[in-house]
Amino acid sequence: MAFKGSMYIWKDRKRFMGMPLSFTRYAMSADRLFFSVGFLSVRDEELLLYRVRDISVKRSLWQRMFGVGSIIISSSDKSTPQFTLKNIKRPMDIKELLHNNVEDTKMKRRMRIGEMMADVNDDDSDLDDDIPDLN
């Protein structure tokens, strides 16, 4: 993999029928997620973990039979807003590892972003903020 110089916490390959027979490679350091795709023409990308917004796991019947799954990552990165780590071993364990590193990186950078909950019933066009009518 072209991402030398980083201490990897995790490395794997995209798998076919449970075996690593592809040219798609994944790796994770303490603050970045790397992926390399291709054989003759290779595309190397990295995603800064503090930009990850959501992580989910998808496992089809075929994937469960072979002990693999896919992790879908949504991020605020402009070049890679959504990326899927396809057919990796132990997807639930890797999702937790990824989640923990994302949270650690955000805490180190002091980048906690609060989520705002909106009331579905309040259209907010009248700016009343649910103040009762006194008339």
Protein backbone atom coordinates (compact mmCIF):
# COMPACT_ATOMS: atom_id res chain seq x y z
CA MET A 1 0.00 0.00 0.00
CA ALA A 2 1.28 3.45 -0.84
CA PHE A 3 0.52 4.86 2.61
CA LYS A 4 3.83 4.13 4.30
CA GLY A 5 4.96 5.96 7.38
CA SER A 6 1.70 5.55 9.29
CA MET A 7 1.21 3.12 12.13
CA TYR A 8 -1.80 1.06 11.13
CA ILE A 9 -4.39 0.04 13.69
CA TRP A 10 -6.20 -2.14 11.15
CA LYS A 11 -5.61 -3.44 7.59
CA ASP A 12 -7.75 -5.63 5.35
CA ARG A 13 -8.77 -6.24 1.75
CA LYS A 14 -12.06 -6.39 -0.04
CA ARG A 15 -12.98 -10.07 -0.06
CA PHE A 16 -14.58 -12.40 -2.57
CA MET A 17 -16.34 -15.41 -1.04
CA GLY A 18 -14.55 -14.66 2.23
CA MET A 19 -11.06 -14.68 0.69
CA PRO A 20 -8.93 -11.55 0.04
CA LEU A 21 -8.74 -11.93 -3.74
CA SER A 22 -9.08 -8.31 -4.81
CA PHE A 23 -6.95 -5.27 -5.47
CA THR A 24 -8.91 -3.08 -3.04
CA ARG A 25 -7.03 -2.52 0.21
CA TYR A 26 -8.08 -0.68 3.35
CA ALA A 27 -6.05 0.55 6.32
CA MET A 28 -6.68 2.77 9.33
CA SER A 29 -4.28 4.81 11.43
CA ALA A 30 -5.16 6.73 14.59
CA ASP A 31 -6.51 9.69 12.61
CA ARG A 32 -7.05 8.57 8.98
CA LEU A 33 -8.73 5.88 6.91
CA PHE A 34 -6.87 4.83 3.75
CA PHE A 35 -8.10 2.95 0.71
CA SER A 36 -6.30 1.88 -2.40
CA VAL A 37 -8.15 0.56 -5.45
CA GLY A 38 -6.73 -0.98 -8.62
CA PHE A 39 -3.90 -3.03 -10.06
CA LEU A 40 -2.42 -1.30 -13.13
CA SER A 41 -4.08 2.03 -12.55
CA VAL A 42 -4.22 2.63 -8.80
CA ARG A 43 -6.29 5.21 -6.96
CA ASP A 44 -5.17 6.02 -3.39
CA GLU A 45 -7.45 8.01 -1.10
CA GLU A 46 -7.52 8.96 2.54
CA LEU A 47 -10.30 10.18 4.76
CA LEU A 48 -9.61 12.19 7.91
CA LEU A 49 -11.51 10.50 10.75
CA TYR A 50 -12.74 13.75 12.28
CA ARG A 51 -14.80 14.27 9.11
CA VAL A 52 -16.79 11.05 9.56
CA ARG A 53 -20.44 11.83 10.29
CA ASP A 54 -22.14 8.43 10.26
CA ILE A 55 -21.16 4.76 10.19
CA SER A 56 -23.45 1.84 9.41
CA VAL A 57 -23.05 -1.85 8.61
CA LYS A 58 -24.84 -3.80 5.90
CA ARG A 59 -24.69 -7.60 5.71
CA SER A 60 -26.59 -9.52 3.07
CA LEU A 61 -27.34 -13.22 3.40
CA TRP A 62 -24.40 -14.02 1.09
CA GLN A 63 -22.08 -11.84 3.17
CA ARG A 64 -23.21 -13.44 6.43
CA MET A 65 -22.58 -16.91 4.96
CA PHE A 66 -18.95 -15.96 4.27
CA GLY A 67 -18.42 -13.99 7.50
CA VAL A 68 -18.04 -10.59 5.84
CA GLY A 69 -19.99 -7.34 5.63
CA SER A 70 -19.85 -3.81 4.31
CA ILE A 71 -19.36 -0.64 6.35
CA ILE A 72 -20.95 2.50 4.91
CA ILE A 73 -19.24 5.74 5.97
CA SER A 74 -20.79 9.19 5.45
CA SER A 75 -18.42 12.11 5.81
CA SER A 76 -18.10 15.83 5.30
CA ASP A 77 -15.14 15.24 2.96
CA LYS A 78 -15.74 16.88 -0.43
CA SER A 79 -13.97 14.26 -2.55
CA THR A 80 -15.46 11.28 -0.67
CA PRO A 81 -18.82 12.17 0.90
CA GLN A 82 -19.81 8.51 1.13
CA PHE A 83 -17.59 5.46 1.00
CA THR A 84 -18.22 1.76 1.50
CA LEU A 85 -15.65 -0.67 2.88
CA LYS A 86 -16.90 -3.70 0.95
CA ASN A 87 -16.81 -7.32 2.07
CA ILE A 88 -14.48 -7.05 5.06
CA LYS A 89 -14.02 -9.60 7.85
CA ARG A 90 -15.60 -8.92 11.27
CA PRO A 91 -17.54 -5.84 10.11
CA MET A 92 -19.17 -5.17 13.52
CA ASP A 93 -15.79 -5.23 15.29
CA ILE A 94 -14.24 -2.95 12.66
CA LYS A 95 -17.22 -0.57 12.87
CA GLU A 96 -16.66 -0.25 16.63
CA LEU A 97 -12.92 0.25 16.14
CA LEU A 98 -13.64 2.92 13.54
CA HIS A 99 -16.25 4.58 15.77
CA ASN A 100 -13.88 4.71 18.75
CA ASN A 101 -11.09 6.23 16.65
CA VAL A 102 -13.47 8.77 15.12
CA GLU A 103 -14.60 9.87 18.58
CA ASP A 104 -11.03 10.01 19.91
CA THR A 105 -9.91 12.11 16.94
CA LYS A 106 -12.82 14.52 17.35
CA MET A 107 -12.08 14.88 21.07
CA LYS A 108 -8.37 15.55 20.40
CA ARG A 109 -9.29 18.23 17.86
CA ARG A 110 -12.07 19.55 20.10
CA MET A 111 -14.51 19.17 17.24
CA ARG A 112 -17.69 18.07 18.98
CA ILE A 113 -20.62 19.09 16.82
CA GLY A 114 -23.99 19.12 18.53
CA GLU A 115 -26.96 17.75 16.70
CA MET A 116 -30.06 19.86 16.70
CA MET A 117 -33.39 18.15 17.04
CA ALA A 118 -36.24 19.83 15.21
CA ASP A 119 -39.88 19.48 16.18
CA VAL A 120 -41.70 17.93 13.23
CA ASN A 121 -44.95 19.72 14.15
CA ASP A 122 -43.41 23.20 14.25
CA ASP A 123 -42.94 24.72 10.79
CA ASP A 124 -41.01 27.61 12.38
CA SER A 125 -42.36 30.05 9.80
CA ASP A 126 -44.17 32.09 12.45
CA LEU A 127 -41.19 32.13 14.85
CA ASP A 128 -43.48 31.52 17.83
CA ASP A 129 -41.37 28.71 19.33
CA ASP A 130 -44.53 27.04 20.65
CA ILE A 131 -45.53 29.96 22.88
CA PRO A 132 -49.17 29.47 23.86
CA ASP A 133 -51.66 32.01 22.55
CA LEU A 134 -52.92 34.14 25.45
CA ASN A 135 -56.03 35.50 23.65
